[in-house]
């Protein structure tokens, strides 16, 4: 119990020392600008644009194009550092694996929150960390990345609604790793 009190007091002391320094963020921003600009050279924002930001965990934010969002959640979770890879159109998950549940995400608790895969939902695929701020989605058999871009989650063709064509998502997407002649109903292989 005493060690918890000491640890909490130490954390409060560090925070109180850092607060005045953090308030100088506007003074330091011109000095940090080259570093922040370099972050956007590596970040892939999907259907969005990377903007350097001191208000974000990863020092950047993705501004989404109309029709795209960063999470499946309908509430704003302030996760602006996530790429804009979720189409705001009809997605029917009944024909494919469901998105990871809160329990599944909790099992990945040993994964650092600074690992981009901690935040990524690759749908019917797995996340592969490619750098400190980026990842790609490796699709399981029968799934494909939207636009054949590995920054996007993996979907089965049956999950894509007709209204998704308004966002440029055609019904003939396949990844390079998927067999082009595979039936679109996903009847080949187990997922």
C-alpha atoms as a PDB file:
ATOM      1  CA  UNK A   1       0.000   0.000   0.000  1.00  0.00           C
ATOM      2  CA  UNK A   2       2.804   2.395   0.946  1.00  0.00           C
ATOM      3  CA  UNK A   3       4.589   1.733  -2.345  1.00  0.00           C
ATOM      4  CA  UNK A   4       1.431   2.673  -4.279  1.00  0.00           C
ATOM      5  CA  UNK A   5       1.226   5.981  -2.383  1.00  0.00           C
ATOM      6  CA  UNK A   6       4.904   6.686  -3.084  1.00  0.00           C
ATOM      7  CA  UNK A   7       4.432   5.845  -6.788  1.00  0.00           C
ATOM      8  CA  UNK A   8       1.380   8.110  -7.041  1.00  0.00           C
ATOM      9  CA  UNK A   9       3.239  10.951  -5.310  1.00  0.00           C
ATOM     10  CA  UNK A  10       6.185  10.495  -7.677  1.00  0.00           C
ATOM     11  CA  UNK A  11       3.851  10.650 -10.704  1.00  0.00           C
ATOM     12  CA  UNK A  12       2.211  13.829  -9.399  1.00  0.00           C
ATOM     13  CA  UNK A  13       5.636  15.391  -8.818  1.00  0.00           C
ATOM     14  CA  UNK A  14       6.733  14.599 -12.386  1.00  0.00           C
ATOM     15  CA  UNK A  15       3.492  15.993 -13.810  1.00  0.00           C
ATOM     16  CA  UNK A  16       3.783  19.201 -11.788  1.00  0.00           C
ATOM     17  CA  UNK A  17       7.348  19.690 -13.048  1.00  0.00           C
ATOM     18  CA  UNK A  18       6.383  18.997 -16.672  1.00  0.00           C
ATOM     19  CA  UNK A  19       3.239  21.148 -16.834  1.00  0.00           C
ATOM     20  CA  UNK A  20       5.074  24.487 -17.136  1.00  0.00           C
ATOM     21  CA  UNK A  21       7.350  22.970 -19.782  1.00  0.00           C
ATOM     22  CA  UNK A  22       4.383  21.629 -21.737  1.00  0.00           C
ATOM     23  CA  UNK A  23       2.797  25.073 -21.633  1.00  0.00           C
ATOM     24  CA  UNK A  24       5.791  26.277 -23.651  1.00  0.00           C
ATOM     25  CA  UNK A  25       4.671  24.007 -26.508  1.00  0.00           C
ATOM     26  CA  UNK A  26       3.828  27.017 -28.684  1.00  0.00           C
ATOM     27  CA  UNK A  27       7.343  28.406 -28.132  1.00  0.00           C
ATOM     28  CA  UNK A  28       8.928  25.097 -29.118  1.00  0.00           C
ATOM     29  CA  UNK A  29       6.653  24.298 -32.067  1.00  0.00           C
ATOM     30  CA  UNK A  30       8.882  26.048 -34.675  1.00  0.00           C
ATOM     31  CA  UNK A  31      11.835  24.019 -33.400  1.00  0.00           C
ATOM     32  CA  UNK A  32       9.879  20.761 -33.522  1.00  0.00           C
ATOM     33  CA  UNK A  33       8.281  21.481 -36.906  1.00  0.00           C
ATOM     34  CA  UNK A  34      10.876  19.574 -38.997  1.00  0.00           C
ATOM     35  CA  UNK A  35      10.421  16.512 -36.779  1.00  0.00           C
ATOM     36  CA  UNK A  36       6.620  16.716 -37.015  1.00  0.00           C
ATOM     37  CA  UNK A  37       6.737  17.167 -40.800  1.00  0.00           C
ATOM     38  CA  UNK A  38       8.883  14.030 -41.090  1.00  0.00           C
ATOM     39  CA  UNK A  39       6.184  12.020 -39.286  1.00  0.00           C
ATOM     40  CA  UNK A  40       3.751  12.691 -42.149  1.00  0.00           C
ATOM     41  CA  UNK A  41       6.261  11.354 -44.685  1.00  0.00           C
ATOM     42  CA  UNK A  42       5.880   7.914 -43.127  1.00  0.00           C
ATOM     43  CA  UNK A  43       2.219   7.935 -42.058  1.00  0.00           C
ATOM     44  CA  UNK A  44      -0.473   6.567 -44.357  1.00  0.00           C
ATOM     45  CA  UNK A  45      -3.836   8.187 -43.658  1.00  0.00           C
ATOM     46  CA  UNK A  46      -5.857   6.068 -46.101  1.00  0.00           C
ATOM     47  CA  UNK A  47      -8.612   8.311 -47.476  1.00  0.00           C
ATOM     48  CA  UNK A  48      -7.352  11.262 -45.482  1.00  0.00           C
ATOM     49  CA  UNK A  49      -4.548  13.784 -45.221  1.00  0.00           C
ATOM     50  CA  UNK A  50      -1.796  13.752 -42.605  1.00  0.00           C
ATOM     51  CA  UNK A  51      -1.336  16.937 -40.584  1.00  0.00           C
ATOM     52  CA  UNK A  52       1.433  17.380 -37.976  1.00  0.00           C
ATOM     53  CA  UNK A  53      -0.053  17.873 -34.511  1.00  0.00           C
ATOM     54  CA  UNK A  54       1.281  18.316 -31.018  1.00  0.00           C
ATOM     55  CA  UNK A  55      -2.150  17.347 -29.657  1.00  0.00           C
ATOM     56  CA  UNK A  56      -1.933  13.710 -30.702  1.00  0.00           C
ATOM     57  CA  UNK A  57      -0.271  10.592 -29.312  1.00  0.00           C
ATOM     58  CA  UNK A  58       1.733  10.052 -32.490  1.00  0.00           C
ATOM     59  CA  UNK A  59       2.355  13.761 -33.321  1.00  0.00           C
ATOM     60  CA  UNK A  60       0.053  13.672 -36.328  1.00  0.00           C
ATOM     61  CA  UNK A  61      -3.649  13.643 -37.137  1.00  0.00           C
ATOM     62  CA  UNK A  62      -5.470  12.299 -40.171  1.00  0.00           C
ATOM     63  CA  UNK A  63      -8.190  14.533 -41.599  1.00  0.00           C
ATOM     64  CA  UNK A  64     -10.720  12.295 -43.371  1.00  0.00           C
ATOM     65  CA  UNK A  65     -12.199  12.905 -46.804  1.00  0.00           C
ATOM     66  CA  UNK A  66     -16.025  13.013 -46.915  1.00  0.00           C
ATOM     67  CA  UNK A  67     -17.468   9.495 -46.625  1.00  0.00           C
ATOM     68  CA  UNK A  68     -14.583   8.081 -44.574  1.00  0.00           C
ATOM     69  CA  UNK A  69     -13.958   7.687 -40.863  1.00  0.00           C
ATOM     70  CA  UNK A  70     -11.317   6.362 -38.523  1.00  0.00           C
ATOM     71  CA  UNK A  71     -13.249   3.832 -36.429  1.00  0.00           C
ATOM     72  CA  UNK A  72     -16.384   1.738 -36.596  1.00  0.00           C
ATOM     73  CA  UNK A  73     -17.638   3.598 -33.524  1.00  0.00           C
ATOM     74  CA  UNK A  74     -20.336   6.177 -34.083  1.00  0.00           C
ATOM     75  CA  UNK A  75     -18.964   8.320 -31.255  1.00  0.00           C
ATOM     76  CA  UNK A  76     -15.927  10.577 -31.549  1.00  0.00           C
ATOM     77  CA  UNK A  77     -13.228   8.806 -29.569  1.00  0.00           C
ATOM     78  CA  UNK A  78     -10.576  11.468 -30.279  1.00  0.00           C
ATOM     79  CA  UNK A  79      -8.455   8.910 -32.119  1.00  0.00           C
ATOM     80  CA  UNK A  80      -7.526  11.391 -34.841  1.00  0.00           C
ATOM     81  CA  UNK A  81      -4.146   9.733 -35.359  1.00  0.00           C
ATOM     82  CA  UNK A  82      -5.847   6.685 -36.894  1.00  0.00           C
ATOM     83  CA  UNK A  83      -6.009   6.431 -40.692  1.00  0.00           C
ATOM     84  CA  UNK A  84      -9.286   7.096 -42.515  1.00  0.00           C
ATOM     85  CA  UNK A  85      -9.925   3.535 -43.678  1.00  0.00           C
ATOM     86  CA  UNK A  86     -13.523   2.822 -42.643  1.00  0.00           C
ATOM     87  CA  UNK A  87     -16.013   3.619 -45.401  1.00  0.00           C
ATOM     88  CA  UNK A  88     -19.160   5.379 -44.273  1.00  0.00           C
ATOM     89  CA  UNK A  89     -21.405   3.062 -46.262  1.00  0.00           C
ATOM     90  CA  UNK A  90     -23.236  -0.222 -45.704  1.00  0.00           C
ATOM     91  CA  UNK A  91     -20.965  -2.986 -44.409  1.00  0.00           C
ATOM     92  CA  UNK A  92     -22.577  -6.370 -43.781  1.00  0.00           C
ATOM     93  CA  UNK A  93     -20.391  -8.214 -41.286  1.00  0.00           C
ATOM     94  CA  UNK A  94     -22.718 -11.245 -41.138  1.00  0.00           C
ATOM     95  CA  UNK A  95     -20.840 -12.921 -44.001  1.00  0.00           C
ATOM     96  CA  UNK A  96     -17.405 -12.473 -42.463  1.00  0.00           C
ATOM     97  CA  UNK A  97     -15.549 -12.443 -39.171  1.00  0.00           C
ATOM     98  CA  UNK A  98     -16.949  -9.919 -36.726  1.00  0.00           C
ATOM     99  CA  UNK A  99     -14.725  -7.018 -35.693  1.00  0.00           C
ATOM    100  CA  UNK A 100     -12.624  -7.733 -32.608  1.00  0.00           C
ATOM    101  CA  UNK A 101     -14.668  -7.601 -29.426  1.00  0.00           C
ATOM    102  CA  UNK A 102     -13.661  -5.589 -26.369  1.00  0.00           C
ATOM    103  CA  UNK A 103     -12.624  -8.866 -24.705  1.00  0.00           C
ATOM    104  CA  UNK A 104     -10.337  -9.768 -27.612  1.00  0.00           C
ATOM    105  CA  UNK A 105      -8.778  -6.317 -27.506  1.00  0.00           C
ATOM    106  CA  UNK A 106      -8.340  -6.683 -23.723  1.00  0.00           C
ATOM    107  CA  UNK A 107      -6.428  -9.940 -24.262  1.00  0.00           C
ATOM    108  CA  UNK A 108      -3.951  -7.898 -26.303  1.00  0.00           C
ATOM    109  CA  UNK A 109      -3.350  -5.725 -23.231  1.00  0.00           C
ATOM    110  CA  UNK A 110       0.340  -6.639 -23.196  1.00  0.00           C
ATOM    111  CA  UNK A 111       0.599  -4.799 -26.513  1.00  0.00           C
ATOM    112  CA  UNK A 112       1.726  -1.207 -26.039  1.00  0.00           C
ATOM    113  CA  UNK A 113      -0.809   1.524 -26.760  1.00  0.00           C
ATOM    114  CA  UNK A 114       1.986   3.136 -28.775  1.00  0.00           C
ATOM    115  CA  UNK A 115       1.996   0.174 -31.160  1.00  0.00           C
ATOM    116  CA  UNK A 116      -0.150   1.160 -34.166  1.00  0.00           C
ATOM    117  CA  UNK A 117      -1.536  -2.403 -34.311  1.00  0.00           C
ATOM    118  CA  UNK A 118      -3.113  -1.858 -30.886  1.00  0.00           C
ATOM    119  CA  UNK A 119      -5.553   0.574 -32.526  1.00  0.00           C
ATOM    120  CA  UNK A 120      -5.935  -1.051 -35.947  1.00  0.00           C
ATOM    121  CA  UNK A 121      -8.871  -3.216 -36.967  1.00  0.00           C
ATOM    122  CA  UNK A 122      -7.768  -5.282 -39.947  1.00  0.00           C
ATOM    123  CA  UNK A 123     -11.133  -7.041 -40.314  1.00  0.00           C
ATOM    124  CA  UNK A 124     -10.508 -10.472 -41.855  1.00  0.00           C
ATOM    125  CA  UNK A 125      -6.768 -10.201 -41.568  1.00  0.00           C
ATOM    126  CA  UNK A 126      -3.914  -9.548 -39.192  1.00  0.00           C
ATOM    127  CA  UNK A 127      -1.975  -6.413 -38.391  1.00  0.00           C
ATOM    128  CA  UNK A 128       1.721  -6.157 -39.203  1.00  0.00           C
ATOM    129  CA  UNK A 129       3.631  -3.254 -37.612  1.00  0.00           C
ATOM    130  CA  UNK A 130       5.882  -1.737 -40.297  1.00  0.00           C
ATOM    131  CA  UNK A 131       7.309   1.187 -38.310  1.00  0.00           C
ATOM    132  CA  UNK A 132       6.763   3.071 -35.082  1.00  0.00           C
ATOM    133  CA  UNK A 133       3.754   4.892 -36.601  1.00  0.00           C
ATOM    134  CA  UNK A 134       2.529   2.634 -39.407  1.00  0.00           C
ATOM    135  CA  UNK A 135       1.158  -0.833 -40.075  1.00  0.00           C
ATOM    136  CA  UNK A 136      -0.381  -2.887 -42.841  1.00  0.00           C
ATOM    137  CA  UNK A 137      -3.215  -5.401 -42.905  1.00  0.00           C
ATOM    138  CA  UNK A 138      -2.395  -8.885 -44.192  1.00  0.00           C
ATOM    139  CA  UNK A 139      -5.604 -10.480 -45.431  1.00  0.00           C
ATOM    140  CA  UNK A 140      -6.721 -14.044 -44.778  1.00  0.00           C
ATOM    141  CA  UNK A 141      -7.758 -16.156 -47.757  1.00  0.00           C
ATOM    142  CA  UNK A 142     -11.019 -14.929 -49.274  1.00  0.00           C
ATOM    143  CA  UNK A 143     -10.571 -11.359 -47.997  1.00  0.00           C
ATOM    144  CA  UNK A 144      -9.130  -8.305 -49.732  1.00  0.00           C
ATOM    145  CA  UNK A 145      -7.932  -4.822 -48.836  1.00  0.00           C
ATOM    146  CA  UNK A 146     -10.039  -2.001 -50.231  1.00  0.00           C
ATOM    147  CA  UNK A 147      -8.335  -0.390 -53.235  1.00  0.00           C
ATOM    148  CA  UNK A 148      -5.636  -3.085 -52.963  1.00  0.00           C
ATOM    149  CA  UNK A 149      -3.949  -0.885 -50.340  1.00  0.00           C
ATOM    150  CA  UNK A 150      -2.714  -2.692 -47.249  1.00  0.00           C
ATOM    151  CA  UNK A 151      -3.478   0.292 -44.986  1.00  0.00           C
ATOM    152  CA  UNK A 152      -7.161  -0.637 -45.394  1.00  0.00           C
ATOM    153  CA  UNK A 153      -8.937  -3.438 -43.474  1.00  0.00           C
ATOM    154  CA  UNK A 154      -9.635  -6.808 -45.079  1.00  0.00           C
ATOM    155  CA  UNK A 155     -13.197  -7.445 -46.245  1.00  0.00           C
ATOM    156  CA  UNK A 156     -15.058 -10.187 -48.065  1.00  0.00           C
ATOM    157  CA  UNK A 157     -16.857  -9.071 -51.193  1.00  0.00           C
ATOM    158  CA  UNK A 158     -20.223  -9.999 -49.674  1.00  0.00           C
ATOM    159  CA  UNK A 159     -19.728  -7.408 -46.914  1.00  0.00           C
ATOM    160  CA  UNK A 160     -19.588  -4.421 -49.265  1.00  0.00           C
ATOM    161  CA  UNK A 161     -22.943  -2.680 -49.716  1.00  0.00           C
ATOM    162  CA  UNK A 162     -24.114  -1.222 -53.027  1.00  0.00           C
ATOM    163  CA  UNK A 163     -23.903   2.315 -51.659  1.00  0.00           C
ATOM    164  CA  UNK A 164     -20.132   1.865 -51.198  1.00  0.00           C
ATOM    165  CA  UNK A 165     -19.691   2.438 -54.933  1.00  0.00           C
ATOM    166  CA  UNK A 166     -20.302   6.142 -54.167  1.00  0.00           C
ATOM    167  CA  UNK A 167     -16.905   6.077 -52.434  1.00  0.00           C
ATOM    168  CA  UNK A 168     -15.163   4.442 -55.382  1.00  0.00           C
ATOM    169  CA  UNK A 169     -15.268   0.939 -53.924  1.00  0.00           C
ATOM    170  CA  UNK A 170     -15.954  -1.359 -56.830  1.00  0.00           C
ATOM    171  CA  UNK A 171     -17.286  -4.877 -56.579  1.00  0.00           C
ATOM    172  CA  UNK A 172     -14.222  -6.405 -58.236  1.00  0.00           C
ATOM    173  CA  UNK A 173     -11.513  -5.689 -55.622  1.00  0.00           C
ATOM    174  CA  UNK A 174      -8.931  -8.403 -55.033  1.00  0.00           C
ATOM    175  CA  UNK A 175      -5.600  -8.302 -53.251  1.00  0.00           C
ATOM    176  CA  UNK A 176      -2.424  -9.422 -54.900  1.00  0.00           C
ATOM    177  CA  UNK A 177      -2.341 -12.338 -52.466  1.00  0.00           C
ATOM    178  CA  UNK A 178      -5.871 -13.498 -53.264  1.00  0.00           C
ATOM    179  CA  UNK A 179      -6.482 -15.903 -56.094  1.00  0.00           C
ATOM    180  CA  UNK A 180      -8.157 -13.887 -58.871  1.00  0.00           C
ATOM    181  CA  UNK A 181     -10.398 -16.784 -59.819  1.00  0.00           C
ATOM    182  CA  UNK A 182     -11.631 -17.320 -56.252  1.00  0.00           C
ATOM    183  CA  UNK A 183     -15.421 -17.192 -56.051  1.00  0.00           C
ATOM    184  CA  UNK A 184     -16.727 -13.989 -54.497  1.00  0.00           C
ATOM    185  CA  UNK A 185     -18.998 -15.896 -52.118  1.00  0.00           C
ATOM    186  CA  UNK A 186     -15.942 -17.037 -50.146  1.00  0.00           C
ATOM    187  CA  UNK A 187     -16.742 -20.738 -50.604  1.00  0.00           C
ATOM    188  CA  UNK A 188     -13.063 -21.605 -51.217  1.00  0.00           C
ATOM    189  CA  UNK A 189     -11.079 -22.379 -48.102  1.00  0.00           C
ATOM    190  CA  UNK A 190     -11.755 -21.718 -44.467  1.00  0.00           C
ATOM    191  CA  UNK A 191     -11.377 -18.273 -42.987  1.00  0.00           C
END
